[in-house]
Amino acid sequence: MNSVNIALDIFCIFISILICFYVTSCSLSNHKNRSFFFISFSNIIFTLGDLTDWCCNGLVRPWYPIALHIGQFVYYLAII
């Protein structure tokens, strides 16, 4: 089940990056475009934080707890 969640997170990041590129290619002078860009960018950061949880949770490596803490920090930072 972890691999499905990891694949969905990567797909979400890819789609959000495409949206960011599309919105910036149009124009960021419009308030709606700027807002949509920041929502998509926040979604990328949010999903990267979630991705660390799916990749590292429950596995034993010396650096996994550090990656989990950084990922959780990024995850909750993106919500603000």
PDB file of N, CA and C in Angstrom:
ATOM      1  N   MET A   1       0.813  -1.188   0.000  1.00  0.00           N
ATOM      2  CA  MET A   1       0.000   0.000   0.000  1.00  0.00           C
ATOM      3  C   MET A   1       0.867   1.266   0.000  1.00  0.00           C
ATOM      4  N   ASN A   2       2.044   1.193   0.599  1.00  0.00           N
ATOM      5  CA  ASN A   2       2.936   2.351   0.604  1.00  0.00           C
ATOM      6  C   ASN A   2       3.330   2.768  -0.803  1.00  0.00           C
ATOM      7  N   SER A   3       3.572   1.782  -1.667  1.00  0.00           N
ATOM      8  CA  SER A   3       4.002   2.125  -3.025  1.00  0.00           C
ATOM      9  C   SER A   3       2.902   2.860  -3.796  1.00  0.00           C
ATOM     10  N   VAL A   4       1.644   2.532  -3.538  1.00  0.00           N
ATOM     11  CA  VAL A   4       0.537   3.241  -4.187  1.00  0.00           C
ATOM     12  C   VAL A   4       0.490   4.689  -3.714  1.00  0.00           C
ATOM     13  N   ASN A   5       0.641   4.906  -2.422  1.00  0.00           N
ATOM     14  CA  ASN A   5       0.631   6.263  -1.883  1.00  0.00           C
ATOM     15  C   ASN A   5       1.834   7.080  -2.357  1.00  0.00           C
ATOM     16  N   ILE A   6       2.976   6.441  -2.465  1.00  0.00           N
ATOM     17  CA  ILE A   6       4.167   7.126  -2.977  1.00  0.00           C
ATOM     18  C   ILE A   6       3.955   7.518  -4.435  1.00  0.00           C
ATOM     19  N   ALA A   7       3.397   6.614  -5.232  1.00  0.00           N
ATOM     20  CA  ALA A   7       3.137   6.913  -6.642  1.00  0.00           C
ATOM     21  C   ALA A   7       2.129   8.051  -6.787  1.00  0.00           C
ATOM     22  N   LEU A   8       1.093   8.065  -5.965  1.00  0.00           N
ATOM     23  CA  LEU A   8       0.098   9.135  -6.025  1.00  0.00           C
ATOM     24  C   LEU A   8       0.691  10.479  -5.596  1.00  0.00           C
ATOM     25  N   ASP A   9       1.559  10.472  -4.593  1.00  0.00           N
ATOM     26  CA  ASP A   9       2.225  11.706  -4.177  1.00  0.00           C
ATOM     27  C   ASP A   9       3.124  12.253  -5.289  1.00  0.00           C
ATOM     28  N   ILE A  10       3.863  11.370  -5.940  1.00  0.00           N
ATOM     29  CA  ILE A  10       4.738  11.806  -7.031  1.00  0.00           C
ATOM     30  C   ILE A  10       3.913  12.345  -8.194  1.00  0.00           C
ATOM     31  N   PHE A  11       2.798  11.693  -8.493  1.00  0.00           N
ATOM     32  CA  PHE A  11       1.911  12.176  -9.553  1.00  0.00           C
ATOM     33  C   PHE A  11       1.341  13.548  -9.207  1.00  0.00           C
ATOM     34  N   CYS A  12       0.963  13.735  -7.952  1.00  0.00           N
ATOM     35  CA  CYS A  12       0.427  15.017  -7.498  1.00  0.00           C
ATOM     36  C   CYS A  12       1.481  16.122  -7.627  1.00  0.00           C
ATOM     37  N   ILE A  13       2.710  15.816  -7.263  1.00  0.00           N
ATOM     38  CA  ILE A  13       3.800  16.792  -7.395  1.00  0.00           C
ATOM     39  C   ILE A  13       4.006  17.149  -8.863  1.00  0.00           C
ATOM     40  N   PHE A  14       3.991  16.147  -9.731  1.00  0.00           N
ATOM     41  CA  PHE A  14       4.181  16.379 -11.163  1.00  0.00           C
ATOM     42  C   PHE A  14       3.078  17.278 -11.727  1.00  0.00           C
ATOM     43  N   ILE A  15       1.837  16.993 -11.400  1.00  0.00           N
ATOM     44  CA  ILE A  15       0.713  17.808 -11.889  1.00  0.00           C
ATOM     45  C   ILE A  15       0.804  19.226 -11.343  1.00  0.00           C
ATOM     46  N   SER A  16       1.169  19.374 -10.080  1.00  0.00           N
ATOM     47  CA  SER A  16       1.279  20.709  -9.487  1.00  0.00           C
ATOM     48  C   SER A  16       2.407  21.514 -10.128  1.00  0.00           C
ATOM     49  N   ILE A  17       3.500  20.859 -10.470  1.00  0.00           N
ATOM     50  CA  ILE A  17       4.600  21.544 -11.159  1.00  0.00           C
ATOM     51  C   ILE A  17       4.146  22.000 -12.548  1.00  0.00           C
ATOM     52  N   LEU A  18       3.403  21.151 -13.248  1.00  0.00           N
ATOM     53  CA  LEU A  18       2.886  21.550 -14.554  1.00  0.00           C
ATOM     54  C   LEU A  18       1.953  22.750 -14.443  1.00  0.00           C
ATOM     55  N   ILE A  19       1.113  22.757 -13.431  1.00  0.00           N
ATOM     56  CA  ILE A  19       0.197  23.878 -13.218  1.00  0.00           C
ATOM     57  C   ILE A  19       0.983  25.153 -12.920  1.00  0.00           C
ATOM     58  N   CYS A  20       2.010  25.050 -12.086  1.00  0.00           N
ATOM     59  CA  CYS A  20       2.835  26.231 -11.773  1.00  0.00           C
ATOM     60  C   CYS A  20       3.493  26.790 -13.026  1.00  0.00           C
ATOM     61  N   PHE A  21       4.042  25.913 -13.877  1.00  0.00           N
ATOM     62  CA  PHE A  21       4.658  26.377 -15.111  1.00  0.00           C
ATOM     63  C   PHE A  21       3.634  27.016 -16.043  1.00  0.00           C
ATOM     64  N   TYR A  22       2.461  26.431 -16.132  1.00  0.00           N
ATOM     65  CA  TYR A  22       1.430  26.983 -17.007  1.00  0.00           C
ATOM     66  C   TYR A  22       0.970  28.359 -16.526  1.00  0.00           C
ATOM     67  N   VAL A  23       0.733  28.477 -15.238  1.00  0.00           N
ATOM     68  CA  VAL A  23       0.251  29.754 -14.702  1.00  0.00           C
ATOM     69  C   VAL A  23       1.310  30.838 -14.847  1.00  0.00           C
ATOM     70  N   THR A  24       2.580  30.496 -14.627  1.00  0.00           N
ATOM     71  CA  THR A  24       3.632  31.511 -14.772  1.00  0.00           C
ATOM     72  C   THR A  24       3.860  31.880 -16.235  1.00  0.00           C
ATOM     73  N   SER A  25       3.592  30.953 -17.144  1.00  0.00           N
ATOM     74  CA  SER A  25       3.752  31.283 -18.561  1.00  0.00           C
ATOM     75  C   SER A  25       2.639  32.210 -19.044  1.00  0.00           C
ATOM     76  N   CYS A  26       1.467  32.136 -18.434  1.00  0.00           N
ATOM     77  CA  CYS A  26       0.360  33.033 -18.815  1.00  0.00           C
ATOM     78  C   CYS A  26       0.661  34.436 -18.307  1.00  0.00           C
ATOM     79  N   SER A  27       0.536  34.614 -17.022  1.00  0.00           N
ATOM     80  CA  SER A  27       0.847  35.900 -16.403  1.00  0.00           C
ATOM     81  C   SER A  27       0.528  35.814 -14.927  1.00  0.00           C
ATOM     82  N   LEU A  28       1.409  36.385 -14.132  1.00  0.00           N
ATOM     83  CA  LEU A  28       1.158  36.436 -12.694  1.00  0.00           C
ATOM     84  C   LEU A  28       0.610  37.792 -12.275  1.00  0.00           C
ATOM     85  N   SER A  29       0.299  38.642 -13.253  1.00  0.00           N
ATOM     86  CA  SER A  29      -0.229  39.954 -12.897  1.00  0.00           C
ATOM     87  C   SER A  29      -1.687  39.870 -12.454  1.00  0.00           C
ATOM     88  N   ASN A  30      -2.378  38.853 -12.902  1.00  0.00           N
ATOM     89  CA  ASN A  30      -3.762  38.644 -12.492  1.00  0.00           C
ATOM     90  C   ASN A  30      -3.794  38.073 -11.073  1.00  0.00           C
ATOM     91  N   HIS A  31      -4.664  38.598 -10.240  1.00  0.00           N
ATOM     92  CA  HIS A  31      -4.756  38.158  -8.840  1.00  0.00           C
ATOM     93  C   HIS A  31      -5.131  36.679  -8.743  1.00  0.00           C
ATOM     94  N   LYS A  32      -6.033  36.218  -9.605  1.00  0.00           N
ATOM     95  CA  LYS A  32      -6.447  34.811  -9.565  1.00  0.00           C
ATOM     96  C   LYS A  32      -5.302  33.887  -9.968  1.00  0.00           C
ATOM     97  N   ASN A  33      -4.543  34.274 -10.980  1.00  0.00           N
ATOM     98  CA  ASN A  33      -3.395  33.455 -11.391  1.00  0.00           C
ATOM     99  C   ASN A  33      -2.336  33.384 -10.298  1.00  0.00           C
ATOM    100  N   ARG A  34      -2.077  34.503  -9.650  1.00  0.00           N
ATOM    101  CA  ARG A  34      -1.095  34.531  -8.573  1.00  0.00           C
ATOM    102  C   ARG A  34      -1.542  33.654  -7.414  1.00  0.00           C
ATOM    103  N   SER A  35      -2.806  33.739  -7.069  1.00  0.00           N
ATOM    104  CA  SER A  35      -3.333  32.922  -5.970  1.00  0.00           C
ATOM    105  C   SER A  35      -3.264  31.439  -6.319  1.00  0.00           C
ATOM    106  N   PHE A  36      -3.619  31.103  -7.557  1.00  0.00           N
ATOM    107  CA  PHE A  36      -3.584  29.703  -7.975  1.00  0.00           C
ATOM    108  C   PHE A  36      -2.156  29.176  -8.009  1.00  0.00           C
ATOM    109  N   PHE A  37      -1.199  30.020  -8.398  1.00  0.00           N
ATOM    110  CA  PHE A  37       0.200  29.624  -8.375  1.00  0.00           C
ATOM    111  C   PHE A  37       0.646  29.305  -6.952  1.00  0.00           C
ATOM    112  N   PHE A  38       0.313  30.159  -5.992  1.00  0.00           N
ATOM    113  CA  PHE A  38       0.740  29.923  -4.622  1.00  0.00           C
ATOM    114  C   PHE A  38       0.039  28.709  -4.012  1.00  0.00           C
ATOM    115  N   ILE A  39      -1.182  28.452  -4.396  1.00  0.00           N
ATOM    116  CA  ILE A  39      -1.868  27.243  -3.927  1.00  0.00           C
ATOM    117  C   ILE A  39      -1.182  26.006  -4.494  1.00  0.00           C
ATOM    118  N   SER A  40      -0.841  26.030  -5.772  1.00  0.00           N
ATOM    119  CA  SER A  40      -0.161  24.885  -6.388  1.00  0.00           C
ATOM    120  C   SER A  40       1.231  24.683  -5.806  1.00  0.00           C
ATOM    121  N   PHE A  41       1.954  25.776  -5.570  1.00  0.00           N
ATOM    122  CA  PHE A  41       3.280  25.678  -4.973  1.00  0.00           C
ATOM    123  C   PHE A  41       3.196  25.141  -3.543  1.00  0.00           C
ATOM    124  N   SER A  42       2.217  25.599  -2.798  1.00  0.00           N
ATOM    125  CA  SER A  42       2.016  25.093  -1.443  1.00  0.00           C
ATOM    126  C   SER A  42       1.666  23.612  -1.464  1.00  0.00           C
ATOM    127  N   ASN A  43       0.924  23.196  -2.470  1.00  0.00           N
ATOM    128  CA  ASN A  43       0.582  21.777  -2.601  1.00  0.00           C
ATOM    129  C   ASN A  43       1.826  20.932  -2.866  1.00  0.00           C
ATOM    130  N   ILE A  44       2.769  21.465  -3.626  1.00  0.00           N
ATOM    131  CA  ILE A  44       4.026  20.746  -3.868  1.00  0.00           C
ATOM    132  C   ILE A  44       4.778  20.552  -2.555  1.00  0.00           C
ATOM    133  N   ILE A  45       4.910  21.617  -1.782  1.00  0.00           N
ATOM    134  CA  ILE A  45       5.617  21.544  -0.501  1.00  0.00           C
ATOM    135  C   ILE A  45       4.892  20.595   0.452  1.00  0.00           C
ATOM    136  N   PHE A  46       3.582  20.701   0.500  1.00  0.00           N
ATOM    137  CA  PHE A  46       2.758  19.851   1.353  1.00  0.00           C
ATOM    138  C   PHE A  46       2.948  18.373   0.990  1.00  0.00           C
ATOM    139  N   THR A  47       2.939  18.071  -0.296  1.00  0.00           N
ATOM    140  CA  THR A  47       3.061  16.689  -0.747  1.00  0.00           C
ATOM    141  C   THR A  47       4.474  16.151  -0.533  1.00  0.00           C
ATOM    142  N   LEU A  48       5.494  17.003  -0.667  1.00  0.00           N
ATOM    143  CA  LEU A  48       6.859  16.558  -0.373  1.00  0.00           C
ATOM    144  C   LEU A  48       7.002  16.160   1.096  1.00  0.00           C
ATOM    145  N   GLY A  49       6.361  16.924   1.976  1.00  0.00           N
ATOM    146  CA  GLY A  49       6.382  16.568   3.392  1.00  0.00           C
ATOM    147  C   GLY A  49       5.676  15.256   3.657  1.00  0.00           C
ATOM    148  N   ASP A  50       4.578  15.017   2.957  1.00  0.00           N
ATOM    149  CA  ASP A  50       3.839  13.763   3.110  1.00  0.00           C
ATOM    150  C   ASP A  50       4.620  12.595   2.526  1.00  0.00           C
ATOM    151  N   LEU A  51       5.349  12.856   1.464  1.00  0.00           N
ATOM    152  CA  LEU A  51       6.115  11.802   0.801  1.00  0.00           C
ATOM    153  C   LEU A  51       7.194  11.227   1.717  1.00  0.00           C
ATOM    154  N   THR A  52       7.809  12.061   2.534  1.00  0.00           N
ATOM    155  CA  THR A  52       8.825  11.551   3.459  1.00  0.00           C
ATOM    156  C   THR A  52       8.210  10.593   4.473  1.00  0.00           C
ATOM    157  N   ASP A  53       6.976  10.851   4.855  1.00  0.00           N
ATOM    158  CA  ASP A  53       6.315   9.955   5.802  1.00  0.00           C
ATOM    159  C   ASP A  53       6.080   8.584   5.177  1.00  0.00           C
ATOM    160  N   TRP A  54       5.623   8.545   3.927  1.00  0.00           N
ATOM    161  CA  TRP A  54       5.378   7.268   3.277  1.00  0.00           C
ATOM    162  C   TRP A  54       6.675   6.529   2.958  1.00  0.00           C
ATOM    163  N   CYS A  55       7.742   7.253   2.677  1.00  0.00           N
ATOM    164  CA  CYS A  55       9.011   6.606   2.310  1.00  0.00           C
ATOM    165  C   CYS A  55       9.804   6.108   3.516  1.00  0.00           C
ATOM    166  N   CYS A  56       9.730   6.812   4.644  1.00  0.00           N
ATOM    167  CA  CYS A  56      10.631   6.533   5.756  1.00  0.00           C
ATOM    168  C   CYS A  56       9.961   5.931   6.988  1.00  0.00           C
ATOM    169  N   ASN A  57       8.672   6.000   7.097  1.00  0.00           N
ATOM    170  CA  ASN A  57       8.003   5.554   8.312  1.00  0.00           C
ATOM    171  C   ASN A  57       8.094   4.039   8.478  1.00  0.00           C
ATOM    172  N   GLY A  58       8.570   3.615   9.631  1.00  0.00           N
ATOM    173  CA  GLY A  58       8.649   2.203   9.952  1.00  0.00           C
ATOM    174  C   GLY A  58       9.914   1.518   9.472  1.00  0.00           C
ATOM    175  N   LEU A  59      10.765   2.186   8.752  1.00  0.00           N
ATOM    176  CA  LEU A  59      12.005   1.597   8.276  1.00  0.00           C
ATOM    177  C   LEU A  59      13.156   2.017   9.176  1.00  0.00           C
ATOM    178  N   VAL A  60      14.169   1.180   9.218  1.00  0.00           N
ATOM    179  CA  VAL A  60      15.278   1.450  10.130  1.00  0.00           C
ATOM    180  C   VAL A  60      16.526   1.809   9.329  1.00  0.00           C
ATOM    181  N   ARG A  61      16.866   3.038   9.373  1.00  0.00           N
ATOM    182  CA  ARG A  61      18.118   3.574   8.849  1.00  0.00           C
ATOM    183  C   ARG A  61      18.519   4.695   9.796  1.00  0.00           C
ATOM    184  N   PRO A  62      19.779   5.005   9.906  1.00  0.00           N
ATOM    185  CA  PRO A  62      20.195   6.046  10.853  1.00  0.00           C
ATOM    186  C   PRO A  62      19.624   7.429  10.541  1.00  0.00           C
ATOM    187  N   TRP A  63      19.407   7.749   9.267  1.00  0.00           N
ATOM    188  CA  TRP A  63      18.967   9.085   8.903  1.00  0.00           C
ATOM    189  C   TRP A  63      17.458   9.193   8.703  1.00  0.00           C
ATOM    190  N   TYR A  64      16.718   8.093   8.788  1.00  0.00           N
ATOM    191  CA  TYR A  64      15.262   8.147   8.581  1.00  0.00           C
ATOM    192  C   TYR A  64      14.533   9.000   9.617  1.00  0.00           C
ATOM    193  N   PRO A  65      14.880   8.923  10.904  1.00  0.00           N
ATOM    194  CA  PRO A  65      14.182   9.804  11.853  1.00  0.00           C
ATOM    195  C   PRO A  65      14.390  11.289  11.555  1.00  0.00           C
ATOM    196  N   ILE A  66      15.581  11.637  11.092  1.00  0.00           N
ATOM    197  CA  ILE A  66      15.843  13.036  10.740  1.00  0.00           C
ATOM    198  C   ILE A  66      14.994  13.440   9.536  1.00  0.00           C
ATOM    199  N   ALA A  67      14.930  12.560   8.529  1.00  0.00           N
ATOM    200  CA  ALA A  67      14.115  12.843   7.346  1.00  0.00           C
ATOM    201  C   ALA A  67      12.635  12.950   7.715  1.00  0.00           C
ATOM    202  N   LEU A  68      12.174  12.113   8.635  1.00  0.00           N
ATOM    203  CA  LEU A  68      10.778  12.181   9.074  1.00  0.00           C
ATOM    204  C   LEU A  68      10.480  13.493   9.781  1.00  0.00           C
ATOM    205  N   HIS A  69      11.370  13.927  10.637  1.00  0.00           N
ATOM    206  CA  HIS A  69      11.145  15.186  11.354  1.00  0.00           C
ATOM    207  C   HIS A  69      11.158  16.382  10.400  1.00  0.00           C
ATOM    208  N   ILE A  70      12.081  16.381   9.466  1.00  0.00           N
ATOM    209  CA  ILE A  70      12.127  17.464   8.477  1.00  0.00           C
ATOM    210  C   ILE A  70      10.874  17.429   7.609  1.00  0.00           C
ATOM    211  N   GLY A  71      10.473  16.232   7.189  1.00  0.00           N
ATOM    212  CA  GLY A  71       9.272  16.099   6.371  1.00  0.00           C
ATOM    213  C   GLY A  71       8.016  16.548   7.107  1.00  0.00           C
ATOM    214  N   GLN A  72       7.919  16.200   8.386  1.00  0.00           N
ATOM    215  CA  GLN A  72       6.762  16.639   9.171  1.00  0.00           C
ATOM    216  C   GLN A  72       6.772  18.147   9.350  1.00  0.00           C
ATOM    217  N   PHE A  73       7.935  18.735   9.538  1.00  0.00           N
ATOM    218  CA  PHE A  73       8.039  20.184   9.661  1.00  0.00           C
ATOM    219  C   PHE A  73       7.582  20.867   8.369  1.00  0.00           C
ATOM    220  N   VAL A  74       8.042  20.352   7.224  1.00  0.00           N
ATOM    221  CA  VAL A  74       7.662  20.914   5.925  1.00  0.00           C
ATOM    222  C   VAL A  74       6.167  20.729   5.689  1.00  0.00           C
ATOM    223  N   TYR A  75       5.641  19.569   6.060  1.00  0.00           N
ATOM    224  CA  TYR A  75       4.217  19.261   5.887  1.00  0.00           C
ATOM    225  C   TYR A  75       3.345  20.270   6.633  1.00  0.00           C
ATOM    226  N   TYR A  76       3.670  20.514   7.883  1.00  0.00           N
ATOM    227  CA  TYR A  76       2.868  21.441   8.665  1.00  0.00           C
ATOM    228  C   TYR A  76       3.171  22.911   8.338  1.00  0.00           C
ATOM    229  N   LEU A  77       4.353  23.177   7.845  1.00  0.00           N
ATOM    230  CA  LEU A  77       4.693  24.532   7.415  1.00  0.00           C
ATOM    231  C   LEU A  77       3.895  24.928   6.177  1.00  0.00           C
ATOM    232  N   ALA A  78       3.660  23.980   5.285  1.00  0.00           N
ATOM    233  CA  ALA A  78       2.920  24.270   4.058  1.00  0.00           C
ATOM    234  C   ALA A  78       1.456  24.579   4.337  1.00  0.00           C
ATOM    235  N   ILE A  79       0.938  24.121   5.440  1.00  0.00           N
ATOM    236  CA  ILE A  79      -0.468  24.373   5.772  1.00  0.00           C
ATOM    237  C   ILE A  79      -0.672  25.819   6.183  1.00  0.00           C
ATOM    238  N   ILE A  80       0.341  26.425   6.756  1.00  0.00           N
ATOM    239  CA  ILE A  80       0.208  27.799   7.274  1.00  0.00           C
ATOM    240  C   ILE A  80       0.042  28.782   6.180  1.00  0.00           C
TER     241      ILE A  80
END
